[in-house]
Amino acid sequence: MDKEIKKHNTADNGKFAVIRVRGIIGVERGIDETLIKLRLYKKNYCVVVPKNASHLGMIKKVKDYVTWGDIDEKTYRTLIEKRKEDFKGNISDKKGKISYNDFIDIGGKKIKKRFRLNSPKKGYGRKGVKVPFSNGGALGYRGDKINNLIERMI
């Protein structure tokens, strides 16, 4: 699986879509903290992160709980149109010294960085959520097939 990940050019301006597949029970502390940093709080939450070394390292750490792949622009726009949630929190602290980065600014509207999705129609895969995608399951790197999964979950 690491061979597939190393093939990616991390200098590319693309994006990864990361979807949490497994639940919260029995997760180790370090993995749980990484999932929280990725804003994957619950099952079927999706985030879109830039392709860079730091995000790829976090994704590798939580690879047994998530599935991810290269999202295309059409799917990303559909995800924003149908699953956006308005951001109603603070933009900065009261003194204006700390600005928070918890939202995406799209056309002047502020939306949350995470998307809540439904369970996929026809399921994740034949072998379930404990087996890697390369072996017929749901976990790990999917490549461009993540777009098909997101469309089934919207």
N, C-alpha and C. Protein backbone atom coordinates (compact mmCIF):
# COMPACT_ATOMS: atom_id res chain seq x y z
N MET A 1 0.82 -1.19 0.00
CA MET A 1 0.00 0.00 0.00
C MET A 1 0.87 1.25 0.00
N ASP A 2 2.01 1.24 0.67
CA ASP A 2 2.88 2.41 0.70
C ASP A 2 3.39 2.76 -0.69
N LYS A 3 3.52 1.75 -1.56
CA LYS A 3 3.98 2.01 -2.92
C LYS A 3 2.98 2.89 -3.66
N GLU A 4 1.69 2.64 -3.43
CA GLU A 4 0.65 3.44 -4.08
C GLU A 4 0.69 4.88 -3.58
N ILE A 5 0.95 5.06 -2.30
CA ILE A 5 0.99 6.40 -1.71
C ILE A 5 2.21 7.16 -2.20
N LYS A 6 3.35 6.49 -2.32
CA LYS A 6 4.57 7.16 -2.74
C LYS A 6 4.51 7.63 -4.18
N LYS A 7 3.62 7.03 -4.99
CA LYS A 7 3.51 7.43 -6.38
C LYS A 7 2.99 8.86 -6.54
N HIS A 8 2.31 9.37 -5.53
CA HIS A 8 1.72 10.69 -5.61
C HIS A 8 2.79 11.77 -5.57
N ASN A 9 2.60 12.75 -6.38
CA ASN A 9 3.46 13.92 -6.34
C ASN A 9 2.87 14.88 -5.32
N THR A 10 3.48 15.02 -4.17
CA THR A 10 2.90 15.85 -3.12
C THR A 10 3.01 17.34 -3.44
N ALA A 11 3.79 17.71 -4.46
CA ALA A 11 3.87 19.11 -4.86
C ALA A 11 2.69 19.49 -5.75
N ASP A 12 1.90 18.50 -6.15
CA ASP A 12 0.73 18.76 -6.99
C ASP A 12 -0.27 19.60 -6.21
N ASN A 13 -1.05 20.40 -6.92
CA ASN A 13 -2.02 21.27 -6.27
C ASN A 13 -3.36 20.57 -6.07
N GLY A 14 -3.43 19.27 -6.21
CA GLY A 14 -4.67 18.53 -6.06
C GLY A 14 -5.13 18.46 -4.62
N LYS A 15 -6.21 17.74 -4.43
CA LYS A 15 -6.79 17.60 -3.09
C LYS A 15 -7.13 16.14 -2.84
N PHE A 16 -7.07 15.76 -1.58
CA PHE A 16 -7.52 14.45 -1.13
C PHE A 16 -8.86 14.60 -0.46
N ALA A 17 -9.77 13.68 -0.73
CA ALA A 17 -11.00 13.57 0.03
C ALA A 17 -10.79 12.41 1.00
N VAL A 18 -11.03 12.66 2.28
CA VAL A 18 -10.84 11.65 3.32
C VAL A 18 -12.19 11.41 3.99
N ILE A 19 -12.60 10.15 4.06
CA ILE A 19 -13.88 9.78 4.66
C ILE A 19 -13.63 8.80 5.78
N ARG A 20 -14.19 9.09 6.95
CA ARG A 20 -14.07 8.16 8.07
C ARG A 20 -15.05 7.02 7.87
N VAL A 21 -14.54 5.80 7.96
CA VAL A 21 -15.35 4.62 7.66
C VAL A 21 -15.73 3.87 8.93
N ARG A 22 -14.82 3.82 9.89
CA ARG A 22 -15.07 3.06 11.11
C ARG A 22 -15.42 3.99 12.26
N GLY A 23 -16.08 3.43 13.27
CA GLY A 23 -16.59 4.20 14.38
C GLY A 23 -15.56 4.60 15.40
N ILE A 24 -16.04 5.09 16.55
CA ILE A 24 -15.17 5.70 17.55
C ILE A 24 -14.80 4.76 18.69
N ILE A 25 -15.41 3.61 18.79
CA ILE A 25 -15.17 2.72 19.91
C ILE A 25 -13.85 1.99 19.73
N GLY A 26 -13.01 1.99 20.77
CA GLY A 26 -11.78 1.23 20.77
C GLY A 26 -10.64 1.85 19.98
N VAL A 27 -10.71 3.14 19.69
CA VAL A 27 -9.66 3.80 18.93
C VAL A 27 -8.55 4.22 19.89
N GLU A 28 -7.30 3.98 19.49
CA GLU A 28 -6.17 4.38 20.32
C GLU A 28 -6.11 5.90 20.43
N ARG A 29 -5.48 6.37 21.50
CA ARG A 29 -5.47 7.81 21.79
C ARG A 29 -4.80 8.63 20.69
N GLY A 30 -3.65 8.21 20.22
CA GLY A 30 -2.94 8.96 19.19
C GLY A 30 -3.70 9.01 17.88
N ILE A 31 -4.34 7.91 17.54
CA ILE A 31 -5.14 7.87 16.31
C ILE A 31 -6.37 8.74 16.47
N ASP A 32 -7.00 8.70 17.64
CA ASP A 32 -8.18 9.52 17.89
C ASP A 32 -7.85 11.01 17.80
N GLU A 33 -6.71 11.41 18.34
CA GLU A 33 -6.30 12.81 18.25
C GLU A 33 -6.05 13.24 16.81
N THR A 34 -5.47 12.35 16.01
CA THR A 34 -5.23 12.66 14.61
C THR A 34 -6.55 12.78 13.85
N LEU A 35 -7.51 11.91 14.15
CA LEU A 35 -8.82 12.01 13.51
C LEU A 35 -9.51 13.33 13.88
N ILE A 36 -9.34 13.78 15.12
CA ILE A 36 -9.92 15.05 15.54
C ILE A 36 -9.24 16.21 14.81
N LYS A 37 -7.92 16.14 14.65
CA LYS A 37 -7.21 17.19 13.91
C LYS A 37 -7.65 17.25 12.46
N LEU A 38 -8.02 16.10 11.90
CA LEU A 38 -8.53 16.07 10.53
C LEU A 38 -10.02 16.44 10.45
N ARG A 39 -10.65 16.68 11.59
CA ARG A 39 -12.07 17.02 11.71
C ARG A 39 -12.98 15.84 11.32
N LEU A 40 -12.51 14.64 11.54
CA LEU A 40 -13.31 13.44 11.27
C LEU A 40 -13.83 12.92 12.60
N TYR A 41 -14.86 13.55 13.11
CA TYR A 41 -15.36 13.27 14.45
C TYR A 41 -16.19 11.99 14.51
N LYS A 42 -16.94 11.71 13.48
CA LYS A 42 -17.86 10.58 13.47
C LYS A 42 -17.75 9.82 12.16
N LYS A 43 -18.39 8.67 12.13
CA LYS A 43 -18.43 7.84 10.94
C LYS A 43 -19.17 8.58 9.82
N ASN A 44 -18.72 8.41 8.59
CA ASN A 44 -19.29 9.01 7.38
C ASN A 44 -19.06 10.53 7.30
N TYR A 45 -18.13 11.07 8.06
CA TYR A 45 -17.72 12.46 7.90
C TYR A 45 -16.67 12.52 6.81
N CYS A 46 -16.67 13.57 6.03
CA CYS A 46 -15.72 13.74 4.93
C CYS A 46 -15.05 15.10 5.04
N VAL A 47 -13.75 15.14 4.78
CA VAL A 47 -13.02 16.40 4.69
C VAL A 47 -12.21 16.38 3.41
N VAL A 48 -11.97 17.56 2.88
CA VAL A 48 -11.12 17.71 1.69
C VAL A 48 -9.88 18.46 2.14
N VAL A 49 -8.72 17.82 1.99
CA VAL A 49 -7.46 18.40 2.44
C VAL A 49 -6.52 18.54 1.25
N PRO A 50 -5.60 19.51 1.31
CA PRO A 50 -4.63 19.66 0.21
C PRO A 50 -3.61 18.53 0.23
N LYS A 51 -3.06 18.25 -0.95
CA LYS A 51 -2.01 17.24 -1.05
C LYS A 51 -0.70 17.86 -0.59
N ASN A 52 -0.30 17.52 0.61
CA ASN A 52 1.02 17.92 1.09
C ASN A 52 1.52 16.88 2.07
N ALA A 53 2.77 16.99 2.45
CA ALA A 53 3.41 15.96 3.25
C ALA A 53 2.78 15.83 4.64
N SER A 54 2.39 16.93 5.25
CA SER A 54 1.84 16.85 6.61
C SER A 54 0.48 16.15 6.62
N HIS A 55 -0.39 16.48 5.67
CA HIS A 55 -1.69 15.81 5.61
C HIS A 55 -1.53 14.35 5.22
N LEU A 56 -0.60 14.05 4.33
CA LEU A 56 -0.38 12.67 3.92
C LEU A 56 0.13 11.84 5.10
N GLY A 57 0.96 12.43 5.96
CA GLY A 57 1.43 11.73 7.15
C GLY A 57 0.30 11.43 8.11
N MET A 58 -0.62 12.38 8.29
CA MET A 58 -1.77 12.14 9.17
C MET A 58 -2.67 11.07 8.59
N ILE A 59 -2.86 11.09 7.28
CA ILE A 59 -3.72 10.08 6.64
C ILE A 59 -3.11 8.69 6.78
N LYS A 60 -1.79 8.58 6.63
CA LYS A 60 -1.12 7.29 6.80
C LYS A 60 -1.30 6.76 8.21
N LYS A 61 -1.31 7.64 9.19
CA LYS A 61 -1.45 7.22 10.58
C LYS A 61 -2.83 6.63 10.84
N VAL A 62 -3.86 7.18 10.21
CA VAL A 62 -5.24 6.73 10.47
C VAL A 62 -5.78 5.86 9.33
N LYS A 63 -4.89 5.24 8.56
CA LYS A 63 -5.29 4.49 7.38
C LYS A 63 -6.23 3.32 7.68
N ASP A 64 -6.23 2.82 8.92
CA ASP A 64 -7.10 1.71 9.28
C ASP A 64 -8.51 2.15 9.68
N TYR A 65 -8.78 3.44 9.61
CA TYR A 65 -10.10 3.96 9.99
C TYR A 65 -10.73 4.81 8.90
N VAL A 66 -9.99 5.13 7.85
CA VAL A 66 -10.49 6.02 6.81
C VAL A 66 -10.24 5.44 5.42
N THR A 67 -10.92 6.00 4.45
CA THR A 67 -10.63 5.77 3.05
C THR A 67 -10.40 7.13 2.41
N TRP A 68 -9.50 7.19 1.44
CA TRP A 68 -9.20 8.47 0.82
C TRP A 68 -8.80 8.28 -0.64
N GLY A 69 -8.84 9.39 -1.36
CA GLY A 69 -8.45 9.35 -2.77
C GLY A 69 -8.40 10.75 -3.34
N ASP A 70 -8.10 10.84 -4.63
CA ASP A 70 -7.98 12.12 -5.33
C ASP A 70 -9.36 12.57 -5.79
N ILE A 71 -9.82 13.69 -5.26
CA ILE A 71 -11.14 14.20 -5.61
C ILE A 71 -11.01 15.14 -6.81
N ASP A 72 -11.95 15.02 -7.75
CA ASP A 72 -11.93 15.93 -8.89
C ASP A 72 -12.81 17.15 -8.60
N GLU A 73 -12.67 18.16 -9.43
CA GLU A 73 -13.35 19.44 -9.19
C GLU A 73 -14.87 19.31 -9.26
N LYS A 74 -15.38 18.49 -10.17
CA LYS A 74 -16.83 18.32 -10.32
C LYS A 74 -17.44 17.73 -9.06
N THR A 75 -16.82 16.70 -8.51
CA THR A 75 -17.33 16.07 -7.30
C THR A 75 -17.23 17.02 -6.11
N TYR A 76 -16.14 17.79 -6.06
CA TYR A 76 -15.96 18.75 -4.97
C TYR A 76 -17.05 19.83 -5.01
N ARG A 77 -17.38 20.32 -6.20
CA ARG A 77 -18.46 21.31 -6.31
C ARG A 77 -19.81 20.72 -5.92
N THR A 78 -20.06 19.47 -6.32
CA THR A 78 -21.31 18.80 -5.94
C THR A 78 -21.40 18.62 -4.44
N LEU A 79 -20.28 18.26 -3.83
CA LEU A 79 -20.23 18.09 -2.38
C LEU A 79 -20.55 19.40 -1.67
N ILE A 80 -20.00 20.49 -2.16
CA ILE A 80 -20.26 21.79 -1.55
C ILE A 80 -21.72 22.21 -1.76
N GLU A 81 -22.25 21.99 -2.95
CA GLU A 81 -23.63 22.40 -3.23
C GLU A 81 -24.64 21.65 -2.38
N LYS A 82 -24.48 20.34 -2.24
CA LYS A 82 -25.51 19.53 -1.61
C LYS A 82 -25.30 19.28 -0.12
N ARG A 83 -24.06 19.35 0.37
CA ARG A 83 -23.79 18.99 1.75
C ARG A 83 -23.15 20.09 2.58
N LYS A 84 -23.20 21.32 2.12
CA LYS A 84 -22.57 22.40 2.89
C LYS A 84 -23.39 22.72 4.14
N GLU A 85 -22.69 23.17 5.16
CA GLU A 85 -23.32 23.65 6.38
C GLU A 85 -22.74 25.02 6.67
N ASP A 86 -23.60 25.97 6.99
CA ASP A 86 -23.13 27.33 7.26
C ASP A 86 -22.30 27.36 8.53
N PHE A 87 -21.23 28.15 8.49
CA PHE A 87 -20.36 28.33 9.65
C PHE A 87 -20.89 29.51 10.44
N LYS A 88 -21.19 29.29 11.72
CA LYS A 88 -21.76 30.34 12.55
C LYS A 88 -20.86 30.71 13.72
N GLY A 89 -19.64 30.22 13.72
CA GLY A 89 -18.72 30.49 14.82
C GLY A 89 -18.00 31.81 14.65
N ASN A 90 -17.05 32.06 15.54
CA ASN A 90 -16.26 33.28 15.51
C ASN A 90 -15.16 33.18 14.46
N ILE A 91 -14.90 34.30 13.80
CA ILE A 91 -13.83 34.36 12.81
C ILE A 91 -12.49 34.60 13.52
N SER A 92 -12.52 35.40 14.59
CA SER A 92 -11.32 35.65 15.38
C SER A 92 -11.73 35.87 16.84
N ASP A 93 -10.72 36.00 17.70
CA ASP A 93 -11.02 36.25 19.10
C ASP A 93 -11.47 37.70 19.28
N LYS A 94 -11.84 38.06 20.50
CA LYS A 94 -12.40 39.38 20.77
C LYS A 94 -11.41 40.51 20.49
N LYS A 95 -10.13 40.25 20.75
CA LYS A 95 -9.12 41.29 20.53
C LYS A 95 -8.64 41.35 19.09
N GLY A 96 -8.99 40.35 18.29
CA GLY A 96 -8.59 40.34 16.89
C GLY A 96 -7.18 39.86 16.64
N LYS A 97 -6.55 39.26 17.64
CA LYS A 97 -5.17 38.81 17.49
C LYS A 97 -5.08 37.41 16.89
N ILE A 98 -6.03 36.54 17.21
CA ILE A 98 -6.01 35.16 16.72
C ILE A 98 -7.17 34.99 15.75
N SER A 99 -6.88 34.62 14.52
CA SER A 99 -7.95 34.34 13.57
C SER A 99 -8.05 32.82 13.41
N TYR A 100 -9.29 32.33 13.43
CA TYR A 100 -9.55 30.90 13.35
C TYR A 100 -9.69 30.49 11.89
N ASN A 101 -9.31 29.24 11.63
CA ASN A 101 -9.34 28.73 10.27
C ASN A 101 -10.28 27.53 10.20
N ASP A 102 -11.50 27.70 10.68
CA ASP A 102 -12.46 26.60 10.75
C ASP A 102 -13.50 26.64 9.65
N PHE A 103 -13.30 27.45 8.63
CA PHE A 103 -14.32 27.57 7.59
C PHE A 103 -13.66 27.76 6.22
N ILE A 104 -14.47 27.55 5.20
CA ILE A 104 -14.07 27.80 3.81
C ILE A 104 -14.91 28.96 3.32
N ASP A 105 -14.31 29.91 2.66
CA ASP A 105 -15.04 31.05 2.12
C ASP A 105 -15.34 30.79 0.65
N ILE A 106 -16.61 30.55 0.33
CA ILE A 106 -17.03 30.27 -1.04
C ILE A 106 -18.03 31.34 -1.45
N GLY A 107 -17.63 32.20 -2.34
CA GLY A 107 -18.53 33.25 -2.84
C GLY A 107 -19.06 34.15 -1.75
N GLY A 108 -18.25 34.46 -0.75
CA GLY A 108 -18.67 35.32 0.33
C GLY A 108 -19.41 34.61 1.45
N LYS A 109 -19.76 33.34 1.27
CA LYS A 109 -20.41 32.57 2.32
C LYS A 109 -19.38 31.71 3.03
N LYS A 110 -19.51 31.62 4.33
CA LYS A 110 -18.60 30.81 5.12
C LYS A 110 -19.26 29.47 5.41
N ILE A 111 -18.59 28.37 5.02
CA ILE A 111 -19.13 27.04 5.28
C ILE A 111 -18.10 26.24 6.07
N LYS A 112 -18.58 25.20 6.77
CA LYS A 112 -17.71 24.35 7.56
C LYS A 112 -16.81 23.53 6.66
N LYS A 113 -15.65 23.13 7.18
CA LYS A 113 -14.68 22.37 6.40
C LYS A 113 -15.02 20.88 6.31
N ARG A 114 -15.93 20.41 7.12
CA ARG A 114 -16.29 19.00 7.09
C ARG A 114 -17.70 18.84 6.51
N PHE A 115 -17.93 17.66 5.94
CA PHE A 115 -19.23 17.37 5.34
C PHE A 115 -19.76 16.08 5.95
N ARG A 116 -21.04 16.12 6.35
CA ARG A 116 -21.68 14.92 6.88
C ARG A 116 -22.38 14.21 5.73
N LEU A 117 -22.02 12.96 5.51
CA LEU A 117 -22.56 12.19 4.40
C LEU A 117 -23.44 11.05 4.91
N ASN A 118 -24.26 10.50 4.01
CA ASN A 118 -25.05 9.32 4.31
C ASN A 118 -24.19 8.08 4.13
N SER A 119 -24.69 6.94 4.57
CA SER A 119 -24.01 5.69 4.26
C SER A 119 -24.12 5.46 2.76
N PRO A 120 -23.12 4.82 2.16
CA PRO A 120 -23.15 4.67 0.70
C PRO A 120 -24.21 3.67 0.25
N LYS A 121 -24.86 3.99 -0.86
CA LYS A 121 -25.79 3.04 -1.47
C LYS A 121 -24.98 1.85 -1.97
N LYS A 122 -25.48 0.67 -1.73
CA LYS A 122 -24.83 -0.60 -2.08
C LYS A 122 -23.57 -0.87 -1.27
N GLY A 123 -23.36 -0.14 -0.18
CA GLY A 123 -22.30 -0.44 0.76
C GLY A 123 -20.92 0.03 0.34
N TYR A 124 -19.95 -0.21 1.23
CA TYR A 124 -18.58 0.21 0.99
C TYR A 124 -17.83 -0.75 0.07
N GLY A 125 -18.03 -2.00 0.26
CA GLY A 125 -17.32 -3.00 -0.52
C GLY A 125 -17.77 -4.38 -0.12
N ARG A 126 -17.32 -5.35 -0.86
CA ARG A 126 -17.78 -6.70 -0.64
C ARG A 126 -17.34 -7.27 0.70
N LYS A 127 -16.16 -6.93 1.13
CA LYS A 127 -15.61 -7.53 2.35
C LYS A 127 -15.76 -6.67 3.59
N GLY A 128 -16.35 -5.48 3.49
CA GLY A 128 -16.64 -4.69 4.67
C GLY A 128 -15.61 -3.64 5.03
N VAL A 129 -15.73 -3.13 6.26
CA VAL A 129 -14.94 -1.98 6.69
C VAL A 129 -13.67 -2.34 7.47
N LYS A 130 -13.30 -3.61 7.48
CA LYS A 130 -12.08 -4.01 8.18
C LYS A 130 -10.99 -4.49 7.22
N VAL A 131 -11.25 -4.40 5.92
CA VAL A 131 -10.34 -4.92 4.90
C VAL A 131 -9.91 -3.78 3.99
N PRO A 132 -8.65 -3.74 3.55
CA PRO A 132 -8.21 -2.67 2.64
C PRO A 132 -8.94 -2.71 1.30
N PHE A 133 -8.98 -1.56 0.65
CA PHE A 133 -9.66 -1.43 -0.63
C PHE A 133 -9.01 -2.32 -1.69
N SER A 134 -7.72 -2.48 -1.63
CA SER A 134 -7.02 -3.32 -2.62
C SER A 134 -7.42 -4.79 -2.52
N ASN A 135 -7.96 -5.20 -1.37
CA ASN A 135 -8.42 -6.58 -1.19
C ASN A 135 -9.94 -6.70 -1.24
N GLY A 136 -10.64 -5.68 -1.71
CA GLY A 136 -12.09 -5.74 -1.84
C GLY A 136 -12.85 -5.12 -0.69
N GLY A 137 -12.18 -4.45 0.23
CA GLY A 137 -12.84 -3.84 1.38
C GLY A 137 -13.05 -2.35 1.19
N ALA A 138 -13.03 -1.61 2.29
CA ALA A 138 -13.34 -0.19 2.24
C ALA A 138 -12.19 0.72 2.66
N LEU A 139 -11.20 0.22 3.36
CA LEU A 139 -10.17 1.08 3.95
C LEU A 139 -9.05 1.39 2.98
N GLY A 140 -8.38 2.53 3.24
CA GLY A 140 -7.16 2.85 2.51
C GLY A 140 -7.37 3.71 1.27
N TYR A 141 -6.35 3.71 0.42
CA TYR A 141 -6.31 4.57 -0.75
C TYR A 141 -7.16 4.01 -1.88
N ARG A 142 -8.02 4.86 -2.47
CA ARG A 142 -8.91 4.47 -3.55
C ARG A 142 -8.56 5.09 -4.89
N GLY A 143 -7.74 6.11 -4.88
CA GLY A 143 -7.44 6.79 -6.14
C GLY A 143 -8.63 7.61 -6.61
N ASP A 144 -8.94 7.53 -7.88
CA ASP A 144 -10.06 8.29 -8.45
C ASP A 144 -11.42 7.68 -8.12
N LYS A 145 -11.44 6.47 -7.60
CA LYS A 145 -12.72 5.82 -7.28
C LYS A 145 -13.39 6.44 -6.06
N ILE A 146 -12.70 7.33 -5.37
CA ILE A 146 -13.32 8.04 -4.24
C ILE A 146 -14.48 8.91 -4.73
N ASN A 147 -14.39 9.39 -5.97
CA ASN A 147 -15.45 10.22 -6.53
C ASN A 147 -16.75 9.43 -6.65
N ASN A 148 -16.66 8.17 -7.07
CA ASN A 148 -17.84 7.31 -7.17
C ASN A 148 -18.44 7.09 -5.79
N LEU A 149 -17.59 6.85 -4.78
CA LEU A 149 -18.09 6.63 -3.42
C LEU A 149 -18.79 7.87 -2.88
N ILE A 150 -18.21 9.04 -3.11
CA ILE A 150 -18.83 10.27 -2.61
C ILE A 150 -20.18 10.50 -3.28
N GLU A 151 -20.29 10.24 -4.58
CA GLU A 151 -21.57 10.40 -5.27
C GLU A 151 -22.62 9.45 -4.72
N ARG A 152 -22.20 8.24 -4.31
CA ARG A 152 -23.16 7.30 -3.71
C ARG A 152 -23.54 7.72 -2.29
N MET A 153 -22.71 8.54 -1.63
CA MET A 153 -22.99 8.95 -0.26
C MET A 153 -23.74 10.29 -0.17
N ILE A 154 -23.77 11.05 -1.25
CA ILE A 154 -24.47 12.34 -1.23
C ILE A 154 -25.92 12.08 -1.32
